[in-house]
Amino acid sequence: MARVDDPHAASVRLPADVRSVAAARLFVEDAVRGWGVEPPEALPLLTSEVVTNAVVHSGASWVEVRAVRAGNRARVEVADQDPTVPEVQPADPMSPGGFGMWLVDRLARAWGVTEIEDDGKFVWFELPVSMR
């Protein structure tokens, strides 16, 4: 995860509740704008998908969302207390859901999962950013 004293990093801990998805999305967009760069078009969608996965599937009581600028990339990290690694499911156009990690896999420049030492994980993705 990002260093706390990094001016190009911001984090927030939110309750693991579906209402936190919109808050996380706005938080990440505001953080990226604060770095003087345009938020990538896919940023709100992918943030929503990863936070939704953590809220719905992890059984966690909270999620921590971090936005980190790494050169010409915005990196979003979503931590929860469940060590289970999300899997990319084949897209089924007849299914009403299950597209979250599929979208992340298709739209992110890079993504992955990192285990947290004291049980849990964070799912991260990166997107390119452009200067305003």
C-alpha atoms as a PDB file:
ATOM      1  CA  MET A   1       0.000   0.000   0.000  1.00  0.00           C
ATOM      2  CA  ALA A   2       1.024   3.619  -0.366  1.00  0.00           C
ATOM      3  CA  ARG A   3       3.157   5.523   2.126  1.00  0.00           C
ATOM      4  CA  VAL A   4       1.127   7.728   4.465  1.00  0.00           C
ATOM      5  CA  ASP A   5       3.378  10.771   3.931  1.00  0.00           C
ATOM      6  CA  ASP A   6       3.207  10.583   0.124  1.00  0.00           C
ATOM      7  CA  PRO A   7       1.646  13.755  -1.403  1.00  0.00           C
ATOM      8  CA  HIS A   8       0.464  11.663  -4.334  1.00  0.00           C
ATOM      9  CA  ALA A   9      -1.502   9.229  -2.181  1.00  0.00           C
ATOM     10  CA  ALA A  10      -4.786   9.468  -0.330  1.00  0.00           C
ATOM     11  CA  SER A  11      -6.759   6.884   1.620  1.00  0.00           C
ATOM     12  CA  VAL A  12     -10.080   6.514   3.361  1.00  0.00           C
ATOM     13  CA  ARG A  13     -11.628   3.739   5.448  1.00  0.00           C
ATOM     14  CA  LEU A  14     -15.341   3.192   4.830  1.00  0.00           C
ATOM     15  CA  PRO A  15     -17.950   0.828   6.270  1.00  0.00           C
ATOM     16  CA  ALA A  16     -18.431  -2.289   4.152  1.00  0.00           C
ATOM     17  CA  ASP A  17     -21.826  -1.144   2.975  1.00  0.00           C
ATOM     18  CA  VAL A  18     -23.216  -0.660  -0.530  1.00  0.00           C
ATOM     19  CA  ARG A  19     -23.621   3.056   0.218  1.00  0.00           C
ATOM     20  CA  SER A  20     -19.836   3.273   0.484  1.00  0.00           C
ATOM     21  CA  VAL A  21     -19.398   2.441  -3.209  1.00  0.00           C
ATOM     22  CA  ALA A  22     -20.415   5.936  -4.352  1.00  0.00           C
ATOM     23  CA  ALA A  23     -18.345   7.549  -1.587  1.00  0.00           C
ATOM     24  CA  ALA A  24     -15.273   5.567  -2.676  1.00  0.00           C
ATOM     25  CA  ARG A  25     -15.791   6.496  -6.313  1.00  0.00           C
ATOM     26  CA  LEU A  26     -16.039  10.222  -5.509  1.00  0.00           C
ATOM     27  CA  PHE A  27     -13.063  10.029  -3.127  1.00  0.00           C
ATOM     28  CA  VAL A  28     -10.826   8.487  -5.808  1.00  0.00           C
ATOM     29  CA  GLU A  29     -11.911  10.948  -8.506  1.00  0.00           C
ATOM     30  CA  ASP A  30     -11.275  13.901  -6.165  1.00  0.00           C
ATOM     31  CA  ALA A  31      -7.843  12.535  -5.219  1.00  0.00           C
ATOM     32  CA  VAL A  32      -6.806  12.179  -8.858  1.00  0.00           C
ATOM     33  CA  ARG A  33      -8.044  15.684  -9.710  1.00  0.00           C
ATOM     34  CA  GLY A  34      -6.054  16.964  -6.730  1.00  0.00           C
ATOM     35  CA  TRP A  35      -2.877  15.737  -8.423  1.00  0.00           C
ATOM     36  CA  GLY A  36      -3.593  18.023 -11.376  1.00  0.00           C
ATOM     37  CA  VAL A  37      -4.448  15.210 -13.775  1.00  0.00           C
ATOM     38  CA  GLU A  38      -7.649  14.208 -15.504  1.00  0.00           C
ATOM     39  CA  PRO A  39      -9.290  11.114 -14.035  1.00  0.00           C
ATOM     40  CA  PRO A  40      -9.289   8.333 -16.636  1.00  0.00           C
ATOM     41  CA  GLU A  41     -12.714   7.560 -18.067  1.00  0.00           C
ATOM     42  CA  ALA A  42     -12.726   4.025 -16.619  1.00  0.00           C
ATOM     43  CA  LEU A  43     -11.677   5.171 -13.117  1.00  0.00           C
ATOM     44  CA  PRO A  44     -15.159   5.524 -11.554  1.00  0.00           C
ATOM     45  CA  LEU A  45     -16.416   2.278 -13.096  1.00  0.00           C
ATOM     46  CA  LEU A  46     -13.463   0.155 -11.993  1.00  0.00           C
ATOM     47  CA  THR A  47     -13.402   1.736  -8.536  1.00  0.00           C
ATOM     48  CA  SER A  48     -17.092   0.907  -8.149  1.00  0.00           C
ATOM     49  CA  GLU A  49     -16.581  -2.678  -9.290  1.00  0.00           C
ATOM     50  CA  VAL A  50     -13.662  -3.419  -6.955  1.00  0.00           C
ATOM     51  CA  VAL A  51     -15.297  -1.752  -3.937  1.00  0.00           C
ATOM     52  CA  THR A  52     -18.587  -3.539  -4.668  1.00  0.00           C
ATOM     53  CA  ASN A  53     -16.754  -6.876  -4.751  1.00  0.00           C
ATOM     54  CA  ALA A  54     -15.160  -6.141  -1.380  1.00  0.00           C
ATOM     55  CA  VAL A  55     -18.459  -5.031   0.164  1.00  0.00           C
ATOM     56  CA  VAL A  56     -20.612  -7.845  -1.225  1.00  0.00           C
ATOM     57  CA  HIS A  57     -18.262 -10.833  -1.218  1.00  0.00           C
ATOM     58  CA  SER A  58     -15.706 -10.345   1.570  1.00  0.00           C
ATOM     59  CA  GLY A  59     -17.882 -10.298   4.674  1.00  0.00           C
ATOM     60  CA  ALA A  60     -15.636  -7.469   5.868  1.00  0.00           C
ATOM     61  CA  SER A  61     -16.742  -4.794   8.312  1.00  0.00           C
ATOM     62  CA  TRP A  62     -14.780  -2.082   6.478  1.00  0.00           C
ATOM     63  CA  VAL A  63     -12.926  -1.404   3.263  1.00  0.00           C
ATOM     64  CA  GLU A  64      -9.942   0.872   2.839  1.00  0.00           C
ATOM     65  CA  VAL A  65      -9.608   2.696  -0.458  1.00  0.00           C
ATOM     66  CA  ARG A  66      -6.340   4.276  -1.562  1.00  0.00           C
ATOM     67  CA  ALA A  67      -5.531   6.317  -4.618  1.00  0.00           C
ATOM     68  CA  VAL A  68      -1.858   6.549  -5.537  1.00  0.00           C
ATOM     69  CA  ARG A  69      -0.206   8.451  -8.365  1.00  0.00           C
ATOM     70  CA  ALA A  70       2.734   6.559  -9.797  1.00  0.00           C
ATOM     71  CA  GLY A  71       4.210   8.626 -12.614  1.00  0.00           C
ATOM     72  CA  ASN A  72       1.737   8.597 -15.470  1.00  0.00           C
ATOM     73  CA  ARG A  73      -0.570   6.087 -13.765  1.00  0.00           C
ATOM     74  CA  ALA A  74      -3.322   6.260 -11.187  1.00  0.00           C
ATOM     75  CA  ARG A  75      -3.392   3.208  -8.943  1.00  0.00           C
ATOM     76  CA  VAL A  76      -6.433   2.335  -6.848  1.00  0.00           C
ATOM     77  CA  GLU A  77      -6.108  -0.145  -3.974  1.00  0.00           C
ATOM     78  CA  VAL A  78      -9.087  -1.598  -2.113  1.00  0.00           C
ATOM     79  CA  ALA A  79      -8.321  -3.515   1.094  1.00  0.00           C
ATOM     80  CA  ASP A  80     -10.620  -5.787   3.083  1.00  0.00           C
ATOM     81  CA  GLN A  81     -10.219  -8.472   5.749  1.00  0.00           C
ATOM     82  CA  ASP A  82     -10.965 -11.478   3.509  1.00  0.00           C
ATOM     83  CA  PRO A  83      -7.933 -13.307   2.077  1.00  0.00           C
ATOM     84  CA  THR A  84     -10.004 -14.853  -0.750  1.00  0.00           C
ATOM     85  CA  VAL A  85      -8.642 -13.786  -4.131  1.00  0.00           C
ATOM     86  CA  PRO A  86     -11.298 -12.613  -6.610  1.00  0.00           C
ATOM     87  CA  GLU A  87     -11.380 -14.451  -9.910  1.00  0.00           C
ATOM     88  CA  VAL A  88     -12.171 -13.225 -13.383  1.00  0.00           C
ATOM     89  CA  GLN A  89     -15.328 -15.002 -14.492  1.00  0.00           C
ATOM     90  CA  PRO A  90     -16.198 -15.479 -18.159  1.00  0.00           C
ATOM     91  CA  ALA A  91     -18.630 -12.787 -19.275  1.00  0.00           C
ATOM     92  CA  ASP A  92     -22.134 -14.219 -19.589  1.00  0.00           C
ATOM     93  CA  PRO A  93     -24.431 -11.775 -21.394  1.00  0.00           C
ATOM     94  CA  MET A  94     -27.437 -13.591 -19.915  1.00  0.00           C
ATOM     95  CA  SER A  95     -26.265 -13.001 -16.339  1.00  0.00           C
ATOM     96  CA  PRO A  96     -27.341  -9.851 -14.472  1.00  0.00           C
ATOM     97  CA  GLY A  97     -23.992  -9.609 -12.667  1.00  0.00           C
ATOM     98  CA  GLY A  98     -20.539 -11.075 -12.298  1.00  0.00           C
ATOM     99  CA  PHE A  99     -18.810  -8.651 -14.661  1.00  0.00           C
ATOM    100  CA  GLY A 100     -16.732  -6.792 -12.058  1.00  0.00           C
ATOM    101  CA  MET A 101     -13.348  -8.439 -12.320  1.00  0.00           C
ATOM    102  CA  TRP A 102     -13.918  -9.135 -16.017  1.00  0.00           C
ATOM    103  CA  LEU A 103     -14.209  -5.365 -16.549  1.00  0.00           C
ATOM    104  CA  VAL A 104     -11.124  -4.721 -14.419  1.00  0.00           C
ATOM    105  CA  ASP A 105      -9.202  -7.317 -16.436  1.00  0.00           C
ATOM    106  CA  ARG A 106     -10.255  -5.744 -19.744  1.00  0.00           C
ATOM    107  CA  LEU A 107      -9.998  -2.032 -18.933  1.00  0.00           C
ATOM    108  CA  ALA A 108      -7.116  -1.655 -16.452  1.00  0.00           C
ATOM    109  CA  ARG A 109      -3.548  -1.219 -17.652  1.00  0.00           C
ATOM    110  CA  ALA A 110      -2.559  -3.664 -14.893  1.00  0.00           C
ATOM    111  CA  TRP A 111      -4.236  -5.195 -11.849  1.00  0.00           C
ATOM    112  CA  GLY A 112      -3.535  -7.704  -9.124  1.00  0.00           C
ATOM    113  CA  VAL A 113      -4.116  -8.889  -5.596  1.00  0.00           C
ATOM    114  CA  THR A 114      -1.684  -8.541  -2.700  1.00  0.00           C
ATOM    115  CA  GLU A 115      -2.093 -10.424   0.562  1.00  0.00           C
ATOM    116  CA  ILE A 116      -2.092  -8.397   3.771  1.00  0.00           C
ATOM    117  CA  GLU A 117       0.096  -9.923   6.468  1.00  0.00           C
ATOM    118  CA  ASP A 118      -2.479  -9.900   9.268  1.00  0.00           C
ATOM    119  CA  ASP A 119      -5.224 -11.552   7.179  1.00  0.00           C
ATOM    120  CA  GLY A 120      -6.893  -9.947   4.249  1.00  0.00           C
ATOM    121  CA  LYS A 121      -5.885  -8.578   0.892  1.00  0.00           C
ATOM    122  CA  PHE A 122      -5.984  -5.577  -1.324  1.00  0.00           C
ATOM    123  CA  VAL A 123      -7.080  -5.622  -4.921  1.00  0.00           C
ATOM    124  CA  TRP A 124      -5.420  -2.970  -7.048  1.00  0.00           C
ATOM    125  CA  PHE A 125      -5.647  -1.665 -10.584  1.00  0.00           C
ATOM    126  CA  GLU A 126      -3.795   0.953 -12.602  1.00  0.00           C
ATOM    127  CA  LEU A 127      -4.930   3.290 -15.363  1.00  0.00           C
ATOM    128  CA  PRO A 128      -2.930   5.842 -17.373  1.00  0.00           C
ATOM    129  CA  VAL A 129      -3.489   9.519 -16.524  1.00  0.00           C
ATOM    130  CA  SER A 130      -3.015  12.681 -18.576  1.00  0.00           C
ATOM    131  CA  MET A 131      -1.962  16.101 -17.362  1.00  0.00           C
ATOM    132  CA  ARG A 132      -4.655  18.795 -17.543  1.00  0.00           C
END
